[in-house]
C-alpha atoms as a PDB file:
ATOM      1  CA  MET A   1     -22.365 -48.191  71.848  1.00  0.00           C
ATOM      2  CA  THR A   2     -20.761 -49.394  68.612  1.00  0.00           C
ATOM      3  CA  THR A   3     -22.155 -52.734  67.412  1.00  0.00           C
ATOM      4  CA  TYR A   4     -19.670 -55.571  67.554  1.00  0.00           C
ATOM      5  CA  LEU A   5     -20.447 -58.675  65.527  1.00  0.00           C
ATOM      6  CA  GLU A   6     -17.951 -61.192  66.831  1.00  0.00           C
ATOM      7  CA  ILE A   7     -17.007 -63.911  64.387  1.00  0.00           C
ATOM      8  CA  LYS A   8     -17.655 -67.110  66.334  1.00  0.00           C
ATOM      9  CA  SER A   9     -17.240 -69.813  63.707  1.00  0.00           C
ATOM     10  CA  ILE A  10     -16.272 -70.288  60.056  1.00  0.00           C
ATOM     11  CA  HIS A  11     -16.857 -73.564  58.284  1.00  0.00           C
ATOM     12  CA  ALA A  12     -16.413 -74.424  54.600  1.00  0.00           C
ATOM     13  CA  ARG A  13     -17.559 -77.411  52.616  1.00  0.00           C
ATOM     14  CA  GLU A  14     -17.402 -78.738  49.063  1.00  0.00           C
ATOM     15  CA  ILE A  15     -20.659 -78.504  47.140  1.00  0.00           C
ATOM     16  CA  LEU A  16     -21.684 -78.810  43.493  1.00  0.00           C
ATOM     17  CA  ASP A  17     -22.635 -75.792  41.400  1.00  0.00           C
ATOM     18  CA  SER A  18     -25.279 -75.620  38.693  1.00  0.00           C
ATOM     19  CA  ARG A  19     -22.890 -77.214  36.180  1.00  0.00           C
ATOM     20  CA  GLY A  20     -22.254 -80.187  38.490  1.00  0.00           C
ATOM     21  CA  ASN A  21     -18.750 -78.990  39.327  1.00  0.00           C
ATOM     22  CA  PRO A  22     -17.380 -78.698  42.852  1.00  0.00           C
ATOM     23  CA  THR A  23     -17.153 -75.289  44.494  1.00  0.00           C
ATOM     24  CA  VAL A  24     -16.586 -73.867  47.954  1.00  0.00           C
ATOM     25  CA  GLU A  25     -19.409 -72.860  50.268  1.00  0.00           C
ATOM     26  CA  THR A  26     -18.685 -71.159  53.576  1.00  0.00           C
ATOM     27  CA  ASP A  27     -20.871 -70.504  56.614  1.00  0.00           C
ATOM     28  CA  MET A  28     -19.928 -67.769  59.045  1.00  0.00           C
ATOM     29  CA  ALA A  29     -21.667 -67.412  62.413  1.00  0.00           C
ATOM     30  CA  VAL A  30     -21.444 -64.050  64.185  1.00  0.00           C
ATOM     31  CA  LEU A  31     -22.573 -62.975  67.626  1.00  0.00           C
ATOM     32  CA  ASN A  32     -24.064 -59.557  68.326  1.00  0.00           C
ATOM     33  CA  ARG A  33     -22.527 -58.718  71.667  1.00  0.00           C
ATOM     34  CA  GLU A  34     -25.298 -56.210  72.415  1.00  0.00           C
ATOM     35  CA  ASN A  35     -28.311 -58.511  72.197  1.00  0.00           C
ATOM     36  CA  GLY A  36     -26.691 -61.980  72.343  1.00  0.00           C
ATOM     37  CA  GLN A  37     -28.183 -63.009  69.016  1.00  0.00           C
ATOM     38  CA  TYR A  38     -26.383 -65.228  66.514  1.00  0.00           C
ATOM     39  CA  TYR A  39     -26.562 -64.714  62.756  1.00  0.00           C
ATOM     40  CA  ILE A  40     -25.261 -66.913  59.989  1.00  0.00           C
ATOM     41  CA  GLY A  41     -24.158 -65.890  56.508  1.00  0.00           C
ATOM     42  CA  SER A  42     -23.547 -68.468  53.767  1.00  0.00           C
ATOM     43  CA  ALA A  43     -21.809 -67.929  50.437  1.00  0.00           C
ATOM     44  CA  ALA A  44     -20.814 -70.165  47.548  1.00  0.00           C
ATOM     45  CA  VAL A  45     -18.502 -69.188  44.705  1.00  0.00           C
ATOM     46  CA  PRO A  46     -19.330 -71.030  41.455  1.00  0.00           C
ATOM     47  CA  SER A  47     -17.057 -70.164  38.565  1.00  0.00           C
ATOM     48  CA  GLY A  48     -17.559 -69.535  34.892  1.00  0.00           C
ATOM     49  CA  ALA A  49     -16.568 -71.975  32.215  1.00  0.00           C
ATOM     50  CA  SER A  50     -14.068 -69.585  30.657  1.00  0.00           C
ATOM     51  CA  THR A  51     -11.191 -68.284  32.752  1.00  0.00           C
ATOM     52  CA  GLY A  52      -8.180 -66.189  31.789  1.00  0.00           C
ATOM     53  CA  ARG A  53      -4.583 -66.463  32.857  1.00  0.00           C
ATOM     54  CA  PHE A  54      -4.713 -63.060  34.550  1.00  0.00           C
ATOM     55  CA  GLU A  55      -7.578 -63.971  36.858  1.00  0.00           C
ATOM     56  CA  ALA A  56      -7.157 -64.736  40.553  1.00  0.00           C
ATOM     57  CA  VAL A  57      -6.389 -68.440  41.011  1.00  0.00           C
ATOM     58  CA  GLU A  58      -9.325 -70.693  41.654  1.00  0.00           C
ATOM     59  CA  LEU A  59      -7.689 -73.459  43.692  1.00  0.00           C
ATOM     60  CA  ARG A  60      -8.524 -76.922  42.391  1.00  0.00           C
ATOM     61  CA  ASP A  61      -7.259 -80.234  43.740  1.00  0.00           C
ATOM     62  CA  GLY A  62      -5.990 -81.656  40.462  1.00  0.00           C
ATOM     63  CA  GLU A  63      -6.767 -85.191  41.702  1.00  0.00           C
ATOM     64  CA  PRO A  64      -8.749 -87.948  39.921  1.00  0.00           C
ATOM     65  CA  ARG A  65     -12.024 -87.216  41.723  1.00  0.00           C
ATOM     66  CA  TYR A  66     -14.280 -84.851  39.760  1.00  0.00           C
ATOM     67  CA  PHE A  67     -11.691 -84.899  36.926  1.00  0.00           C
ATOM     68  CA  GLY A  68      -9.335 -82.744  38.962  1.00  0.00           C
ATOM     69  CA  LEU A  69     -11.916 -80.080  39.815  1.00  0.00           C
ATOM     70  CA  GLY A  70     -12.344 -80.919  43.488  1.00  0.00           C
ATOM     71  CA  VAL A  71     -11.900 -78.099  45.993  1.00  0.00           C
ATOM     72  CA  GLN A  72     -11.025 -80.005  49.146  1.00  0.00           C
ATOM     73  CA  HIS A  73      -7.720 -78.153  49.486  1.00  0.00           C
ATOM     74  CA  ALA A  74      -9.479 -74.777  49.289  1.00  0.00           C
ATOM     75  CA  VAL A  75     -12.013 -76.021  51.881  1.00  0.00           C
ATOM     76  CA  LYS A  76      -9.153 -77.098  54.132  1.00  0.00           C
ATOM     77  CA  ASN A  77      -7.555 -73.688  53.779  1.00  0.00           C
ATOM     78  CA  VAL A  78     -10.730 -72.034  55.010  1.00  0.00           C
ATOM     79  CA  ASN A  79     -11.230 -74.376  57.939  1.00  0.00           C
ATOM     80  CA  GLU A  80      -7.619 -74.709  59.088  1.00  0.00           C
ATOM     81  CA  LYS A  81      -5.871 -71.488  58.021  1.00  0.00           C
ATOM     82  CA  ILE A  82      -8.410 -68.724  57.531  1.00  0.00           C
ATOM     83  CA  ALA A  83     -10.878 -69.497  60.324  1.00  0.00           C
ATOM     84  CA  PRO A  84      -8.387 -69.407  63.226  1.00  0.00           C
ATOM     85  CA  SER A  85      -7.118 -66.024  62.053  1.00  0.00           C
ATOM     86  CA  LEU A  86     -10.559 -64.418  61.892  1.00  0.00           C
ATOM     87  CA  LEU A  87     -12.278 -65.778  64.990  1.00  0.00           C
ATOM     88  CA  GLY A  88     -13.116 -63.004  67.432  1.00  0.00           C
ATOM     89  CA  LYS A  89     -12.827 -60.267  64.789  1.00  0.00           C
ATOM     90  CA  ASN A  90     -15.654 -57.796  64.193  1.00  0.00           C
ATOM     91  CA  ALA A  91     -17.501 -58.894  61.031  1.00  0.00           C
ATOM     92  CA  LEU A  92     -18.676 -55.321  60.465  1.00  0.00           C
ATOM     93  CA  ASN A  93     -15.096 -54.335  59.617  1.00  0.00           C
ATOM     94  CA  GLN A  94     -15.376 -55.747  56.107  1.00  0.00           C
ATOM     95  CA  MET A  95     -12.333 -53.888  54.787  1.00  0.00           C
ATOM     96  CA  GLU A  96     -10.240 -55.171  57.671  1.00  0.00           C
ATOM     97  CA  ILE A  97     -11.467 -58.746  57.126  1.00  0.00           C
ATOM     98  CA  ASP A  98     -10.624 -58.541  53.416  1.00  0.00           C
ATOM     99  CA  ARG A  99      -7.211 -57.054  54.180  1.00  0.00           C
ATOM    100  CA  LEU A 100      -6.463 -59.928  56.536  1.00  0.00           C
ATOM    101  CA  LEU A 101      -7.507 -62.435  53.869  1.00  0.00           C
ATOM    102  CA  VAL A 102      -5.125 -60.834  51.366  1.00  0.00           C
ATOM    103  CA  GLU A 103      -2.296 -60.874  53.904  1.00  0.00           C
ATOM    104  CA  LEU A 104      -2.945 -64.507  54.861  1.00  0.00           C
ATOM    105  CA  ASP A 105      -2.687 -65.512  51.204  1.00  0.00           C
ATOM    106  CA  GLY A 106       0.424 -63.470  50.594  1.00  0.00           C
ATOM    107  CA  THR A 107       0.374 -63.665  46.793  1.00  0.00           C
ATOM    108  CA  GLU A 108      -0.782 -61.293  44.067  1.00  0.00           C
ATOM    109  CA  ASN A 109      -3.292 -63.695  42.543  1.00  0.00           C
ATOM    110  CA  LYS A 110      -4.528 -65.716  45.543  1.00  0.00           C
ATOM    111  CA  GLU A 111      -2.620 -68.831  44.465  1.00  0.00           C
ATOM    112  CA  ASN A 112      -1.750 -69.802  48.019  1.00  0.00           C
ATOM    113  CA  LEU A 113      -5.178 -70.108  49.714  1.00  0.00           C
ATOM    114  CA  GLY A 114      -7.237 -69.893  46.533  1.00  0.00           C
ATOM    115  CA  ALA A 115      -9.524 -67.079  45.470  1.00  0.00           C
ATOM    116  CA  ASN A 116     -12.466 -69.433  45.876  1.00  0.00           C
ATOM    117  CA  ALA A 117     -11.529 -69.881  49.524  1.00  0.00           C
ATOM    118  CA  THR A 118     -10.996 -66.195  50.350  1.00  0.00           C
ATOM    119  CA  LEU A 119     -13.984 -64.983  48.356  1.00  0.00           C
ATOM    120  CA  SER A 120     -16.370 -67.427  50.019  1.00  0.00           C
ATOM    121  CA  VAL A 121     -15.271 -66.175  53.439  1.00  0.00           C
ATOM    122  CA  SER A 122     -15.507 -62.490  52.450  1.00  0.00           C
ATOM    123  CA  LEU A 123     -19.018 -62.947  51.029  1.00  0.00           C
ATOM    124  CA  ALA A 124     -20.178 -64.981  54.007  1.00  0.00           C
ATOM    125  CA  CYS A 125     -18.953 -62.202  56.290  1.00  0.00           C
ATOM    126  CA  ALA A 126     -20.891 -59.543  54.363  1.00  0.00           C
ATOM    127  CA  LYS A 127     -24.056 -61.657  54.313  1.00  0.00           C
ATOM    128  CA  ALA A 128     -23.871 -62.380  58.055  1.00  0.00           C
ATOM    129  CA  SER A 129     -23.362 -58.694  58.812  1.00  0.00           C
ATOM    130  CA  ALA A 130     -26.239 -57.650  56.563  1.00  0.00           C
ATOM    131  CA  LYS A 131     -28.518 -60.166  58.242  1.00  0.00           C
ATOM    132  CA  ALA A 132     -27.533 -58.973  61.693  1.00  0.00           C
ATOM    133  CA  LEU A 133     -28.380 -55.395  60.729  1.00  0.00           C
ATOM    134  CA  ALA A 134     -31.658 -56.477  59.083  1.00  0.00           C
ATOM    135  CA  MET A 135     -30.526 -55.052  55.727  1.00  0.00           C
ATOM    136  CA  PRO A 136     -30.570 -56.515  52.227  1.00  0.00           C
ATOM    137  CA  LEU A 137     -27.052 -57.271  51.091  1.00  0.00           C
ATOM    138  CA  TYR A 138     -26.976 -54.577  48.428  1.00  0.00           C
ATOM    139  CA  ARG A 139     -27.833 -51.876  50.956  1.00  0.00           C
ATOM    140  CA  TYR A 140     -25.297 -53.120  53.446  1.00  0.00           C
ATOM    141  CA  VAL A 141     -22.545 -53.121  50.829  1.00  0.00           C
ATOM    142  CA  GLY A 142     -23.621 -49.781  49.384  1.00  0.00           C
ATOM    143  CA  GLY A 143     -24.011 -48.136  52.776  1.00  0.00           C
ATOM    144  CA  ALA A 144     -27.123 -47.289  54.766  1.00  0.00           C
ATOM    145  CA  GLY A 145     -27.386 -43.915  53.039  1.00  0.00           C
ATOM    146  CA  ALA A 146     -26.959 -45.214  49.499  1.00  0.00           C
ATOM    147  CA  HIS A 147     -29.425 -43.734  47.044  1.00  0.00           C
ATOM    148  CA  LEU A 148     -27.604 -43.849  43.709  1.00  0.00           C
ATOM    149  CA  LEU A 149     -27.275 -46.845  41.422  1.00  0.00           C
ATOM    150  CA  PRO A 150     -23.682 -47.768  40.526  1.00  0.00           C
ATOM    151  CA  VAL A 151     -22.406 -47.009  37.031  1.00  0.00           C
ATOM    152  CA  PRO A 152     -23.412 -49.963  34.844  1.00  0.00           C
ATOM    153  CA  MET A 153     -20.895 -52.058  32.947  1.00  0.00           C
ATOM    154  CA  MET A 154     -21.988 -53.326  29.565  1.00  0.00           C
ATOM    155  CA  ASN A 155     -20.500 -56.268  27.644  1.00  0.00           C
ATOM    156  CA  ILE A 156     -20.156 -55.322  23.993  1.00  0.00           C
ATOM    157  CA  LEU A 157     -17.701 -57.892  22.572  1.00  0.00           C
ATOM    158  CA  ASN A 158     -16.902 -61.466  23.524  1.00  0.00           C
ATOM    159  CA  GLY A 159     -13.886 -63.676  23.148  1.00  0.00           C
ATOM    160  CA  GLY A 160     -12.522 -66.596  25.102  1.00  0.00           C
ATOM    161  CA  ALA A 161     -13.750 -70.178  25.249  1.00  0.00           C
ATOM    162  CA  HIS A 162     -17.355 -69.448  24.264  1.00  0.00           C
ATOM    163  CA  ALA A 163     -16.618 -67.334  21.173  1.00  0.00           C
ATOM    164  CA  THR A 164     -16.094 -68.392  17.588  1.00  0.00           C
ATOM    165  CA  ASN A 165     -13.083 -66.078  17.213  1.00  0.00           C
ATOM    166  CA  ASN A 166      -9.466 -66.264  18.385  1.00  0.00           C
ATOM    167  CA  VAL A 167      -9.675 -63.300  20.793  1.00  0.00           C
ATOM    168  CA  GLU A 168      -8.197 -64.260  24.146  1.00  0.00           C
ATOM    169  CA  ILE A 169      -9.978 -61.635  26.233  1.00  0.00           C
ATOM    170  CA  GLN A 170     -13.358 -63.018  27.292  1.00  0.00           C
ATOM    171  CA  GLU A 171     -15.330 -59.785  27.594  1.00  0.00           C
ATOM    172  CA  PHE A 172     -14.854 -56.193  26.492  1.00  0.00           C
ATOM    173  CA  MET A 173     -16.796 -53.910  28.801  1.00  0.00           C
ATOM    174  CA  ILE A 174     -17.761 -50.257  28.600  1.00  0.00           C
ATOM    175  CA  MET A 175     -18.874 -47.919  31.388  1.00  0.00           C
ATOM    176  CA  PRO A 176     -20.880 -44.747  30.745  1.00  0.00           C
ATOM    177  CA  VAL A 177     -18.922 -42.658  33.236  1.00  0.00           C
ATOM    178  CA  GLY A 178     -20.310 -39.178  33.489  1.00  0.00           C
ATOM    179  CA  ALA A 179     -23.895 -40.018  32.529  1.00  0.00           C
ATOM    180  CA  CYS A 180     -26.399 -37.865  34.366  1.00  0.00           C
ATOM    181  CA  CYS A 181     -28.795 -40.705  35.195  1.00  0.00           C
ATOM    182  CA  TRP A 182     -29.505 -44.396  34.591  1.00  0.00           C
ATOM    183  CA  LYS A 183     -31.692 -43.648  31.554  1.00  0.00           C
ATOM    184  CA  LYS A 184     -28.910 -41.735  29.828  1.00  0.00           C
ATOM    185  CA  ALA A 185     -26.306 -44.319  30.850  1.00  0.00           C
ATOM    186  CA  LEU A 186     -28.331 -47.094  29.252  1.00  0.00           C
ATOM    187  CA  GLN A 187     -28.786 -45.008  26.099  1.00  0.00           C
ATOM    188  CA  MET A 188     -25.067 -44.315  25.838  1.00  0.00           C
ATOM    189  CA  CYS A 189     -24.182 -47.999  26.131  1.00  0.00           C
ATOM    190  CA  ALA A 190     -26.806 -49.105  23.619  1.00  0.00           C
ATOM    191  CA  GLU A 191     -25.627 -46.535  21.077  1.00  0.00           C
ATOM    192  CA  VAL A 192     -21.991 -47.595  21.469  1.00  0.00           C
ATOM    193  CA  PHE A 193     -22.998 -51.232  21.059  1.00  0.00           C
ATOM    194  CA  HIS A 194     -24.925 -50.624  17.823  1.00  0.00           C
ATOM    195  CA  GLN A 195     -22.254 -48.285  16.466  1.00  0.00           C
ATOM    196  CA  LEU A 196     -19.593 -50.947  17.053  1.00  0.00           C
ATOM    197  CA  LYS A 197     -21.666 -53.531  15.195  1.00  0.00           C
ATOM    198  CA  LYS A 198     -22.166 -51.123  12.279  1.00  0.00           C
ATOM    199  CA  THR A 199     -18.454 -50.206  12.179  1.00  0.00           C
ATOM    200  CA  LEU A 200     -17.366 -53.851  12.160  1.00  0.00           C
ATOM    201  CA  LYS A 201     -19.888 -54.617   9.401  1.00  0.00           C
ATOM    202  CA  ASP A 202     -18.731 -51.614   7.293  1.00  0.00           C
ATOM    203  CA  ASN A 203     -15.111 -52.790   7.659  1.00  0.00           C
ATOM    204  CA  GLY A 204     -15.983 -56.327   6.646  1.00  0.00           C
ATOM    205  CA  THR A 205     -15.087 -57.693  10.083  1.00  0.00           C
ATOM    206  CA  PRO A 206     -17.179 -60.581  11.413  1.00  0.00           C
ATOM    207  CA  ALA A 207     -19.211 -59.324  14.339  1.00  0.00           C
ATOM    208  CA  ALA A 208     -19.427 -62.608  16.216  1.00  0.00           C
ATOM    209  CA  GLY A 209     -20.050 -61.983  19.859  1.00  0.00           C
ATOM    210  CA  VAL A 210     -21.425 -58.476  19.279  1.00  0.00           C
END
């Protein structure tokens, strides 16, 4: 018999992140129809201080409270729009849940429901499912048979709000695609990083953020 984790309830709330800014936290309760056990997954989605114009929209209230950073509208979207559409669905169908979230929003950059709303629900779903299957989250997401580490992404140059330059892009990343193993992948990234720093220095370019 195929396991069916029925989504029984979804509830979001406004909490404060480590910077003291509001963010969305969502609880999802699922019922294993085979054994009658309930499991709850919780997920919060704090944001970084530097965001780009091409990122998915983090829905903020824009009202006086919390200097406009409140997320009560995003919370309302979870509780009143997303939850009714997902109740009864199988939480183990993560791709289907995510597809429904995208369709419910209906925009390219999540500006309708808010990426903070949809992401909190998606993560809560994954966490509830992993808990129900007695798996750590990384193994659930990677698959029960996962035995390879993903290709690492390395940050080699910074721009954006935290940098001392005028580069708009916040992070330039490299991926050692084709590396035979983690050891070689790490070596490749480190060598590219140091070569970039040397090249910038030889060209007389400030290497801030490298």
